Full PDB file with SEQRES, HELIX, SHEET, SSBOND, CRYST1, ORIGX, SCALE, CONECT and MASTER records, all heavy atoms in Angstrom:
SEQRES   1 A   36  GLY THR ILE ARG GLY ALA ARG GLY GLY HIS LEU ARG ILE          
SEQRES   2 A   36  GLN LEU ASP GLY ALA SER ARG ALA MET PRO PHE HIS PRO          
SEQRES   3 A   36  THR TRP GLN LEU SER TYR ILE THR GLY LYS                      
SHEET    1 AA1 3 THR A   2  ARG A   7  0                                        
SHEET    2 AA1 3 HIS A  10  GLN A  14 -1                                        
SHEET    3 AA1 3 MET A  22  PHE A  24 -1                                        
CRYST1    1.000    1.000    1.000  90.00  90.00  90.00 P 1           1          
ORIGX1      1.000000  0.000000  0.000000        0.00000                         
ORIGX2      0.000000  1.000000  0.000000        0.00000                         
ORIGX3      0.000000  0.000000  1.000000        0.00000                         
SCALE1      1.000000  0.000000  0.000000        0.00000                         
SCALE2      0.000000  1.000000  0.000000        0.00000                         
SCALE3      0.000000  0.000000  1.000000        0.00000                         
ATOM      1  N   GLY A   1      -1.967   1.008   0.755  1.00  0.00           N  
ATOM      2  CA  GLY A   1      -0.792   0.386   0.170  1.00  0.00           C  
ATOM      3  C   GLY A   1      -0.500  -0.960   0.785  1.00  0.00           C  
ATOM      4  O   GLY A   1      -1.142  -1.379   1.747  1.00  0.00           O  
ATOM      5  N   THR A   2       0.503  -1.632   0.224  1.00  0.00           N  
ATOM      6  CA  THR A   2       0.909  -2.963   0.651  1.00  0.00           C  
ATOM      7  C   THR A   2       2.384  -2.944   1.047  1.00  0.00           C  
ATOM      8  O   THR A   2       3.213  -2.403   0.310  1.00  0.00           O  
ATOM      9  CB  THR A   2       0.701  -3.983  -0.493  1.00  0.00           C  
ATOM     10  OG1 THR A   2      -0.671  -3.929  -0.897  1.00  0.00           O  
ATOM     11  CG2 THR A   2       1.047  -5.391  -0.048  1.00  0.00           C  
ATOM     12  N   ILE A   3       2.694  -3.543   2.191  1.00  0.00           N  
ATOM     13  CA  ILE A   3       4.083  -3.635   2.649  1.00  0.00           C  
ATOM     14  C   ILE A   3       4.795  -4.682   1.804  1.00  0.00           C  
ATOM     15  O   ILE A   3       4.355  -5.821   1.714  1.00  0.00           O  
ATOM     16  CB  ILE A   3       4.146  -4.014   4.140  1.00  0.00           C  
ATOM     17  CG1 ILE A   3       3.436  -2.964   4.996  1.00  0.00           C  
ATOM     18  CG2 ILE A   3       5.599  -4.198   4.575  1.00  0.00           C  
ATOM     19  CD1 ILE A   3       3.265  -3.365   6.449  1.00  0.00           C  
ATOM     20  N   ARG A   4       5.898  -4.281   1.187  1.00  0.00           N  
ATOM     21  CA  ARG A   4       6.675  -5.181   0.331  1.00  0.00           C  
ATOM     22  C   ARG A   4       7.951  -5.677   1.001  1.00  0.00           C  
ATOM     23  O   ARG A   4       8.517  -6.672   0.589  1.00  0.00           O  
ATOM     24  CB  ARG A   4       7.025  -4.497  -0.987  1.00  0.00           C  
ATOM     25  CG  ARG A   4       5.829  -4.097  -1.811  1.00  0.00           C  
ATOM     26  CD  ARG A   4       5.069  -5.310  -2.249  1.00  0.00           C  
ATOM     27  NE  ARG A   4       3.945  -4.929  -3.107  1.00  0.00           N  
ATOM     28  CZ  ARG A   4       2.899  -5.688  -3.306  1.00  0.00           C  
ATOM     29  NH1 ARG A   4       2.811  -6.856  -2.706  1.00  0.00           N  
ATOM     30  NH2 ARG A   4       1.924  -5.282  -4.074  1.00  0.00           N  
ATOM     31  N   GLY A   5       8.415  -4.969   2.039  1.00  0.00           N  
ATOM     32  CA  GLY A   5       9.634  -5.379   2.717  1.00  0.00           C  
ATOM     33  C   GLY A   5      10.086  -4.310   3.690  1.00  0.00           C  
ATOM     34  O   GLY A   5       9.369  -3.357   3.980  1.00  0.00           O  
ATOM     35  N   ALA A   6      11.323  -4.474   4.183  1.00  0.00           N  
ATOM     36  CA  ALA A   6      11.910  -3.509   5.118  1.00  0.00           C  
ATOM     37  C   ALA A   6      13.375  -3.321   4.752  1.00  0.00           C  
ATOM     38  O   ALA A   6      14.037  -4.258   4.299  1.00  0.00           O  
ATOM     39  CB  ALA A   6      11.786  -4.009   6.551  1.00  0.00           C  
ATOM     40  N   ARG A   7      13.855  -2.093   4.953  1.00  0.00           N  
ATOM     41  CA  ARG A   7      15.267  -1.805   4.693  1.00  0.00           C  
ATOM     42  C   ARG A   7      15.679  -0.611   5.539  1.00  0.00           C  
ATOM     43  O   ARG A   7      15.025   0.432   5.515  1.00  0.00           O  
ATOM     44  CB  ARG A   7      15.476  -1.478   3.223  1.00  0.00           C  
ATOM     45  CG  ARG A   7      16.946  -1.251   2.895  1.00  0.00           C  
ATOM     46  CD  ARG A   7      17.213  -0.820   1.486  1.00  0.00           C  
ATOM     47  NE  ARG A   7      16.584  -1.716   0.525  1.00  0.00           N  
ATOM     48  CZ  ARG A   7      16.379  -1.378  -0.735  1.00  0.00           C  
ATOM     49  NH1 ARG A   7      16.724  -0.197  -1.181  1.00  0.00           N  
ATOM     50  NH2 ARG A   7      15.817  -2.226  -1.561  1.00  0.00           N  
ATOM     51  N   GLY A   8      16.741  -0.778   6.293  1.00  0.00           N  
ATOM     52  CA  GLY A   8      17.302   0.324   7.060  1.00  0.00           C  
ATOM     53  C   GLY A   8      16.356   0.938   8.074  1.00  0.00           C  
ATOM     54  O   GLY A   8      16.397   2.132   8.301  1.00  0.00           O  
ATOM     55  N   GLY A   9      15.490   0.133   8.661  1.00  0.00           N  
ATOM     56  CA  GLY A   9      14.566   0.649   9.664  1.00  0.00           C  
ATOM     57  C   GLY A   9      13.301   1.265   9.093  1.00  0.00           C  
ATOM     58  O   GLY A   9      12.453   1.747   9.837  1.00  0.00           O  
ATOM     59  N   HIS A  10      13.162   1.275   7.783  1.00  0.00           N  
ATOM     60  CA  HIS A  10      11.958   1.786   7.134  1.00  0.00           C  
ATOM     61  C   HIS A  10      11.227   0.641   6.439  1.00  0.00           C  
ATOM     62  O   HIS A  10      11.829  -0.369   6.091  1.00  0.00           O  
ATOM     63  CB  HIS A  10      12.311   2.856   6.097  1.00  0.00           C  
ATOM     64  CG  HIS A  10      12.666   4.158   6.707  1.00  0.00           C  
ATOM     65  ND1 HIS A  10      13.916   4.404   7.240  1.00  0.00           N  
ATOM     66  CD2 HIS A  10      11.949   5.280   6.888  1.00  0.00           C  
ATOM     67  CE1 HIS A  10      13.952   5.632   7.715  1.00  0.00           C  
ATOM     68  NE2 HIS A  10      12.763   6.188   7.517  1.00  0.00           N  
ATOM     69  N   LEU A  11       9.942   0.845   6.229  1.00  0.00           N  
ATOM     70  CA  LEU A  11       9.160  -0.125   5.482  1.00  0.00           C  
ATOM     71  C   LEU A  11       9.158   0.266   4.014  1.00  0.00           C  
ATOM     72  O   LEU A  11       9.117   1.446   3.671  1.00  0.00           O  
ATOM     73  CB  LEU A  11       7.712  -0.151   5.987  1.00  0.00           C  
ATOM     74  CG  LEU A  11       7.514  -0.640   7.412  1.00  0.00           C  
ATOM     75  CD1 LEU A  11       6.063  -0.465   7.831  1.00  0.00           C  
ATOM     76  CD2 LEU A  11       7.936  -2.096   7.547  1.00  0.00           C  
ATOM     77  N   ARG A  12       9.202  -0.727   3.147  1.00  0.00           N  
ATOM     78  CA  ARG A  12       9.059  -0.493   1.712  1.00  0.00           C  
ATOM     79  C   ARG A  12       7.596  -0.770   1.402  1.00  0.00           C  
ATOM     80  O   ARG A  12       7.127  -1.906   1.526  1.00  0.00           O  
ATOM     81  CB  ARG A  12       9.967  -1.431   0.925  1.00  0.00           C  
ATOM     82  CG  ARG A  12      11.428  -1.356   1.307  1.00  0.00           C  
ATOM     83  CD  ARG A  12      12.186  -0.240   0.698  1.00  0.00           C  
ATOM     84  NE  ARG A  12      12.129  -0.337  -0.757  1.00  0.00           N  
ATOM     85  CZ  ARG A  12      12.335   0.690  -1.569  1.00  0.00           C  
ATOM     86  NH1 ARG A  12      12.618   1.857  -1.092  1.00  0.00           N  
ATOM     87  NH2 ARG A  12      12.253   0.547  -2.860  1.00  0.00           N  
ATOM     88  N   ILE A  13       6.862   0.292   1.048  1.00  0.00           N  
ATOM     89  CA  ILE A  13       5.421   0.190   0.825  1.00  0.00           C  
ATOM     90  C   ILE A  13       5.102   0.602  -0.608  1.00  0.00           C  
ATOM     91  O   ILE A  13       5.571   1.638  -1.088  1.00  0.00           O  
ATOM     92  CB  ILE A  13       4.644   1.073   1.813  1.00  0.00           C  
ATOM     93  CG1 ILE A  13       4.875   0.575   3.239  1.00  0.00           C  
ATOM     94  CG2 ILE A  13       3.155   1.099   1.474  1.00  0.00           C  
ATOM     95  CD1 ILE A  13       4.306   1.471   4.313  1.00  0.00           C  
ATOM     96  N   GLN A  14       4.294  -0.224  -1.263  1.00  0.00           N  
ATOM     97  CA  GLN A  14       3.815   0.100  -2.600  1.00  0.00           C  
ATOM     98  C   GLN A  14       2.386   0.599  -2.461  1.00  0.00           C  
ATOM     99  O   GLN A  14       1.484  -0.166  -2.123  1.00  0.00           O  
ATOM    100  CB  GLN A  14       3.870  -1.123  -3.511  1.00  0.00           C  
ATOM    101  CG  GLN A  14       3.470  -0.817  -4.930  1.00  0.00           C  
ATOM    102  CD  GLN A  14       3.682  -2.008  -5.849  1.00  0.00           C  
ATOM    103  OE1 GLN A  14       4.120  -3.071  -5.429  1.00  0.00           O  
ATOM    104  NE2 GLN A  14       3.362  -1.822  -7.111  1.00  0.00           N  
ATOM    105  N   LEU A  15       2.208   1.900  -2.666  1.00  0.00           N  
ATOM    106  CA  LEU A  15       0.866   2.470  -2.601  1.00  0.00           C  
ATOM    107  C   LEU A  15       0.051   1.960  -3.779  1.00  0.00           C  
ATOM    108  O   LEU A  15       0.595   1.725  -4.872  1.00  0.00           O  
ATOM    109  CB  LEU A  15       0.940   3.995  -2.615  1.00  0.00           C  
ATOM    110  CG  LEU A  15       1.653   4.628  -1.416  1.00  0.00           C  
ATOM    111  CD1 LEU A  15       1.762   6.137  -1.602  1.00  0.00           C  
ATOM    112  CD2 LEU A  15       0.944   4.306  -0.113  1.00  0.00           C  
ATOM    113  N   ASP A  16      -1.242   1.779  -3.571  1.00  0.00           N  
ATOM    114  CA  ASP A  16      -2.115   1.303  -4.637  1.00  0.00           C  
ATOM    115  C   ASP A  16      -2.002   2.244  -5.841  1.00  0.00           C  
ATOM    116  O   ASP A  16      -2.064   3.466  -5.704  1.00  0.00           O  
ATOM    117  CB  ASP A  16      -3.570   1.250  -4.162  1.00  0.00           C  
ATOM    118  CG  ASP A  16      -3.793   0.174  -3.106  1.00  0.00           C  
ATOM    119  OD1 ASP A  16      -2.847  -0.578  -2.786  1.00  0.00           O  
ATOM    120  OD2 ASP A  16      -4.929   0.088  -2.605  1.00  0.00           O  
ATOM    121  N   GLY A  17      -1.790   1.663  -7.004  1.00  0.00           N  
ATOM    122  CA  GLY A  17      -1.656   2.443  -8.227  1.00  0.00           C  
ATOM    123  C   GLY A  17      -0.230   2.845  -8.550  1.00  0.00           C  
ATOM    124  O   GLY A  17       0.044   3.313  -9.651  1.00  0.00           O  
ATOM    125  N   ALA A  18       0.699   2.666  -7.612  1.00  0.00           N  
ATOM    126  CA  ALA A  18       2.112   3.006  -7.848  1.00  0.00           C  
ATOM    127  C   ALA A  18       2.817   1.824  -8.509  1.00  0.00           C  
ATOM    128  O   ALA A  18       2.431   0.671  -8.327  1.00  0.00           O  
ATOM    129  CB  ALA A  18       2.803   3.357  -6.540  1.00  0.00           C  
ATOM    130  N   SER A  19       3.866   2.110  -9.264  1.00  0.00           N  
ATOM    131  CA  SER A  19       4.574   1.047  -9.975  1.00  0.00           C  
ATOM    132  C   SER A  19       5.672   0.397  -9.131  1.00  0.00           C  
ATOM    133  O   SER A  19       6.156  -0.676  -9.483  1.00  0.00           O  
ATOM    134  CB  SER A  19       5.172   1.588 -11.265  1.00  0.00           C  
ATOM    135  OG  SER A  19       6.070   2.641 -10.982  1.00  0.00           O  
ATOM    136  N   ARG A  20       6.081   1.059  -8.033  1.00  0.00           N  
ATOM    137  CA  ARG A  20       7.131   0.474  -7.188  1.00  0.00           C  
ATOM    138  C   ARG A  20       6.959   0.898  -5.740  1.00  0.00           C  
ATOM    139  O   ARG A  20       6.236   1.843  -5.435  1.00  0.00           O  
ATOM    140  CB  ARG A  20       8.504   0.846  -7.698  1.00  0.00           C  
ATOM    141  CG  ARG A  20       8.757   2.310  -7.722  1.00  0.00           C  
ATOM    142  CD  ARG A  20      10.076   2.604  -8.405  1.00  0.00           C  
ATOM    143  NE  ARG A  20      10.178   4.042  -8.588  1.00  0.00           N  
ATOM    144  CZ  ARG A  20      11.253   4.744  -8.330  1.00  0.00           C  
ATOM    145  NH1 ARG A  20      12.339   4.153  -7.901  1.00  0.00           N  
ATOM    146  NH2 ARG A  20      11.269   6.025  -8.520  1.00  0.00           N  
ATOM    147  N   ALA A  21       7.663   0.188  -4.865  1.00  0.00           N  
ATOM    148  CA  ALA A  21       7.602   0.476  -3.431  1.00  0.00           C  
ATOM    149  C   ALA A  21       8.522   1.640  -3.090  1.00  0.00           C  
ATOM    150  O   ALA A  21       9.549   1.856  -3.739  1.00  0.00           O  
ATOM    151  CB  ALA A  21       8.007  -0.760  -2.642  1.00  0.00           C  
ATOM    152  N   MET A  22       8.143   2.383  -2.053  1.00  0.00           N  
ATOM    153  CA  MET A  22       8.924   3.516  -1.570  1.00  0.00           C  
ATOM    154  C   MET A  22       9.121   3.355  -0.066  1.00  0.00           C  
ATOM    155  O   MET A  22       8.346   2.671   0.595  1.00  0.00           O  
ATOM    156  CB  MET A  22       8.180   4.820  -1.847  1.00  0.00           C  
ATOM    157  CG  MET A  22       7.932   5.078  -3.317  1.00  0.00           C  
ATOM    158  SD  MET A  22       6.997   6.597  -3.609  1.00  0.00           S  
ATOM    159  CE  MET A  22       5.429   6.197  -2.875  1.00  0.00           C  
ATOM    160  N   PRO A  23      10.156   4.004   0.505  1.00  0.00           N  
ATOM    161  CA  PRO A  23      10.395   3.874   1.950  1.00  0.00           C  
ATOM    162  C   PRO A  23       9.467   4.765   2.775  1.00  0.00           C  
ATOM    163  O   PRO A  23       9.232   5.919   2.414  1.00  0.00           O  
ATOM    164  CB  PRO A  23      11.853   4.312   2.103  1.00  0.00           C  
ATOM    165  CG  PRO A  23      12.101   5.225   0.958  1.00  0.00           C  
ATOM    166  CD  PRO A  23      11.231   4.739  -0.166  1.00  0.00           C  
ATOM    167  N   PHE A  24       8.945   4.208   3.867  1.00  0.00           N  
ATOM    168  CA  PHE A  24       8.095   4.935   4.803  1.00  0.00           C  
ATOM    169  C   PHE A  24       8.557   4.626   6.219  1.00  0.00           C  
ATOM    170  O   PHE A  24       8.891   3.477   6.520  1.00  0.00           O  
ATOM    171  CB  PHE A  24       6.625   4.512   4.667  1.00  0.00           C  
ATOM    172  CG  PHE A  24       5.964   4.980   3.409  1.00  0.00           C  
ATOM    173  CD1 PHE A  24       6.116   4.288   2.224  1.00  0.00           C  
ATOM    174  CD2 PHE A  24       5.174   6.120   3.412  1.00  0.00           C  
ATOM    175  CE1 PHE A  24       5.501   4.709   1.062  1.00  0.00           C  
ATOM    176  CE2 PHE A  24       4.552   6.553   2.260  1.00  0.00           C  
ATOM    177  CZ  PHE A  24       4.721   5.849   1.081  1.00  0.00           C  
ATOM    178  N   HIS A  25       8.521   5.619   7.089  1.00  0.00           N  
ATOM    179  CA  HIS A  25       8.812   5.380   8.498  1.00  0.00           C  
ATOM    180  C   HIS A  25       7.653   4.584   9.092  1.00  0.00           C  
ATOM    181  O   HIS A  25       6.485   4.900   8.829  1.00  0.00           O  
ATOM    182  CB  HIS A  25       8.985   6.713   9.239  1.00  0.00           C  
ATOM    183  CG  HIS A  25       9.496   6.544  10.619  1.00  0.00           C  
ATOM    184  ND1 HIS A  25       8.663   6.209  11.666  1.00  0.00           N  
ATOM    185  CD2 HIS A  25      10.744   6.616  11.118  1.00  0.00           C  
ATOM    186  CE1 HIS A  25       9.388   6.106  12.759  1.00  0.00           C  
ATOM    187  NE2 HIS A  25      10.648   6.345  12.458  1.00  0.00           N  
ATOM    188  N   PRO A  26       7.925   3.564   9.889  1.00  0.00           N  
ATOM    189  CA  PRO A  26       6.876   2.678  10.404  1.00  0.00           C  
ATOM    190  C   PRO A  26       5.804   3.336  11.274  1.00  0.00           C  
ATOM    191  O   PRO A  26       4.742   2.751  11.466  1.00  0.00           O  
ATOM    192  CB  PRO A  26       7.659   1.640  11.223  1.00  0.00           C  
ATOM    193  CG  PRO A  26       9.027   1.668  10.653  1.00  0.00           C  
ATOM    194  CD  PRO A  26       9.263   3.075  10.235  1.00  0.00           C  
ATOM    195  N   THR A  27       6.070   4.521  11.825  1.00  0.00           N  
ATOM    196  CA  THR A  27       5.063   5.144  12.689  1.00  0.00           C  
ATOM    197  C   THR A  27       4.568   6.486  12.170  1.00  0.00           C  
ATOM    198  O   THR A  27       3.681   7.079  12.779  1.00  0.00           O  
ATOM    199  CB  THR A  27       5.617   5.350  14.119  1.00  0.00           C  
ATOM    200  OG1 THR A  27       6.736   6.231  14.070  1.00  0.00           O  
ATOM    201  CG2 THR A  27       6.022   4.028  14.748  1.00  0.00           C  
ATOM    202  N   TRP A  28       5.108   6.985  11.088  1.00  0.00           N  
ATOM    203  CA  TRP A  28       4.735   8.320  10.616  1.00  0.00           C  
ATOM    204  C   TRP A  28       3.553   8.262   9.655  1.00  0.00           C  
ATOM    205  O   TRP A  28       3.675   7.804   8.519  1.00  0.00           O  
ATOM    206  CB  TRP A  28       5.916   9.008   9.927  1.00  0.00           C  
ATOM    207  CG  TRP A  28       5.563  10.367   9.452  1.00  0.00           C  
ATOM    208  CD1 TRP A  28       5.365  10.758   8.158  1.00  0.00           C  
ATOM    209  CD2 TRP A  28       5.330  11.524  10.246  1.00  0.00           C  
ATOM    210  NE1 TRP A  28       5.031  12.071   8.097  1.00  0.00           N  
ATOM    211  CE2 TRP A  28       5.004  12.582   9.387  1.00  0.00           C  
ATOM    212  CE3 TRP A  28       5.366  11.772  11.611  1.00  0.00           C  
ATOM    213  CZ2 TRP A  28       4.713  13.849   9.829  1.00  0.00           C  
ATOM    214  CZ3 TRP A  28       5.075  13.037  12.049  1.00  0.00           C  
ATOM    215  CH2 TRP A  28       4.763  14.054  11.177  1.00  0.00           C  
ATOM    216  N   GLN A  29       2.387   8.705  10.107  1.00  0.00           N  
ATOM    217  CA  GLN A  29       1.182   8.816   9.288  1.00  0.00           C  
ATOM    218  C   GLN A  29       0.713   7.474   8.713  1.00  0.00           C  
ATOM    219  O   GLN A  29       0.042   7.451   7.684  1.00  0.00           O  
ATOM    220  CB  GLN A  29       1.402   9.812   8.145  1.00  0.00           C  
ATOM    221  CG  GLN A  29       1.780  11.214   8.575  1.00  0.00           C  
ATOM    222  CD  GLN A  29       0.639  11.955   9.245  1.00  0.00           C  
ATOM    223  OE1 GLN A  29      -0.526  11.760   8.907  1.00  0.00           O  
ATOM    224  NE2 GLN A  29       0.961  12.803  10.190  1.00  0.00           N  
ATOM    225  N   LEU A  30       1.070   6.358   9.346  1.00  0.00           N  
ATOM    226  CA  LEU A  30       0.649   5.037   8.879  1.00  0.00           C  
ATOM    227  C   LEU A  30      -0.319   4.402   9.860  1.00  0.00           C  
ATOM    228  O   LEU A  30      -0.107   4.456  11.068  1.00  0.00           O  
ATOM    229  CB  LEU A  30       1.848   4.091   8.756  1.00  0.00           C  
ATOM    230  CG  LEU A  30       2.706   4.174   7.523  1.00  0.00           C  
ATOM    231  CD1 LEU A  30       3.815   3.122   7.599  1.00  0.00           C  
ATOM    232  CD2 LEU A  30       1.918   3.995   6.256  1.00  0.00           C  
ATOM    233  N   SER A  31      -1.359   3.799   9.314  1.00  0.00           N  
ATOM    234  CA  SER A  31      -2.269   2.967  10.092  1.00  0.00           C  
ATOM    235  C   SER A  31      -2.195   1.564   9.503  1.00  0.00           C  
ATOM    236  O   SER A  31      -2.222   1.399   8.277  1.00  0.00           O  
ATOM    237  CB  SER A  31      -3.711   3.482   9.982  1.00  0.00           C  
ATOM    238  OG  SER A  31      -3.819   4.763  10.517  1.00  0.00           O  
ATOM    239  N   TYR A  32      -2.094   0.580  10.355  1.00  0.00           N  
ATOM    240  CA  TYR A  32      -1.995  -0.803   9.914  1.00  0.00           C  
ATOM    241  C   TYR A  32      -3.387  -1.404   9.873  1.00  0.00           C  
ATOM    242  O   TYR A  32      -4.141  -1.318  10.838  1.00  0.00           O  
ATOM    243  CB  TYR A  32      -1.078  -1.587  10.847  1.00  0.00           C  
ATOM    244  CG  TYR A  32       0.348  -1.087  10.754  1.00  0.00           C  
ATOM    245  CD1 TYR A  32       0.769   0.008  11.494  1.00  0.00           C  
ATOM    246  CD2 TYR A  32       1.245  -1.684   9.891  1.00  0.00           C  
ATOM    247  CE1 TYR A  32       2.065   0.497  11.389  1.00  0.00           C  
ATOM    248  CE2 TYR A  32       2.544  -1.210   9.773  1.00  0.00           C  
ATOM    249  CZ  TYR A  32       2.937  -0.118  10.526  1.00  0.00           C  
ATOM    250  OH  TYR A  32       4.217   0.365  10.417  1.00  0.00           O  
ATOM    251  N   ILE A  33      -3.720  -2.009   8.751  1.00  0.00           N  
ATOM    252  CA  ILE A  33      -5.039  -2.609   8.563  1.00  0.00           C  
ATOM    253  C   ILE A  33      -4.898  -4.096   8.849  1.00  0.00           C  
ATOM    254  O   ILE A  33      -4.115  -4.790   8.200  1.00  0.00           O  
ATOM    255  CB  ILE A  33      -5.542  -2.367   7.127  1.00  0.00           C  
ATOM    256  CG1 ILE A  33      -5.580  -0.866   6.842  1.00  0.00           C  
ATOM    257  CG2 ILE A  33      -6.908  -3.013   6.927  1.00  0.00           C  
ATOM    258  CD1 ILE A  33      -5.816  -0.522   5.388  1.00  0.00           C  
ATOM    259  N   THR A  34      -5.647  -4.575   9.837  1.00  0.00           N  
ATOM    260  CA  THR A  34      -5.541  -5.984  10.230  1.00  0.00           C  
ATOM    261  C   THR A  34      -6.914  -6.637  10.201  1.00  0.00           C  
ATOM    262  O   THR A  34      -7.943  -5.965  10.132  1.00  0.00           O  
ATOM    263  CB  THR A  34      -4.948  -6.099  11.653  1.00  0.00           C  
ATOM    264  OG1 THR A  34      -5.781  -5.375  12.559  1.00  0.00           O  
ATOM    265  CG2 THR A  34      -3.538  -5.549  11.707  1.00  0.00           C  
ATOM    266  N   GLY A  35      -6.920  -7.943  10.268  1.00  0.00           N  
ATOM    267  CA  GLY A  35      -8.176  -8.694  10.330  1.00  0.00           C  
ATOM    268  C   GLY A  35      -8.989  -8.602   9.064  1.00  0.00           C  
ATOM    269  O   GLY A  35      -8.466  -8.571   7.961  1.00  0.00           O  
ATOM    270  N   LYS A  36     -10.302  -8.529   9.212  1.00  0.00           N  
ATOM    271  CA  LYS A  36     -11.212  -8.505   8.080  1.00  0.00           C  
ATOM    272  C   LYS A  36     -11.030  -7.268   7.207  1.00  0.00           C  
ATOM    273  O   LYS A  36     -11.321  -7.300   6.022  1.00  0.00           O  
ATOM    274  CB  LYS A  36     -12.662  -8.544   8.565  1.00  0.00           C  
ATOM    275  CG  LYS A  36     -13.068  -9.861   9.173  1.00  0.00           C  
ATOM    276  CD  LYS A  36     -14.544  -9.848   9.478  1.00  0.00           C  
ATOM    277  CE  LYS A  36     -14.739 -10.047  10.952  1.00  0.00           C  
ATOM    278  NZ  LYS A  36     -16.137  -9.990  11.348  1.00  0.00           N  
TER     279      LYS A  36                                                      
MASTER        0    0    0    0    3    0    0    6  278    1    0    3          
END                                                                             
């Protein structure tokens, strides 16, 4: 998914194929993809 923003201490993430962003806790079951 792609991070679209933040609200109330949660990240708003739009999962690939989803029509809108949903709230996710920044450390719960998330891996951040960086670099290449």
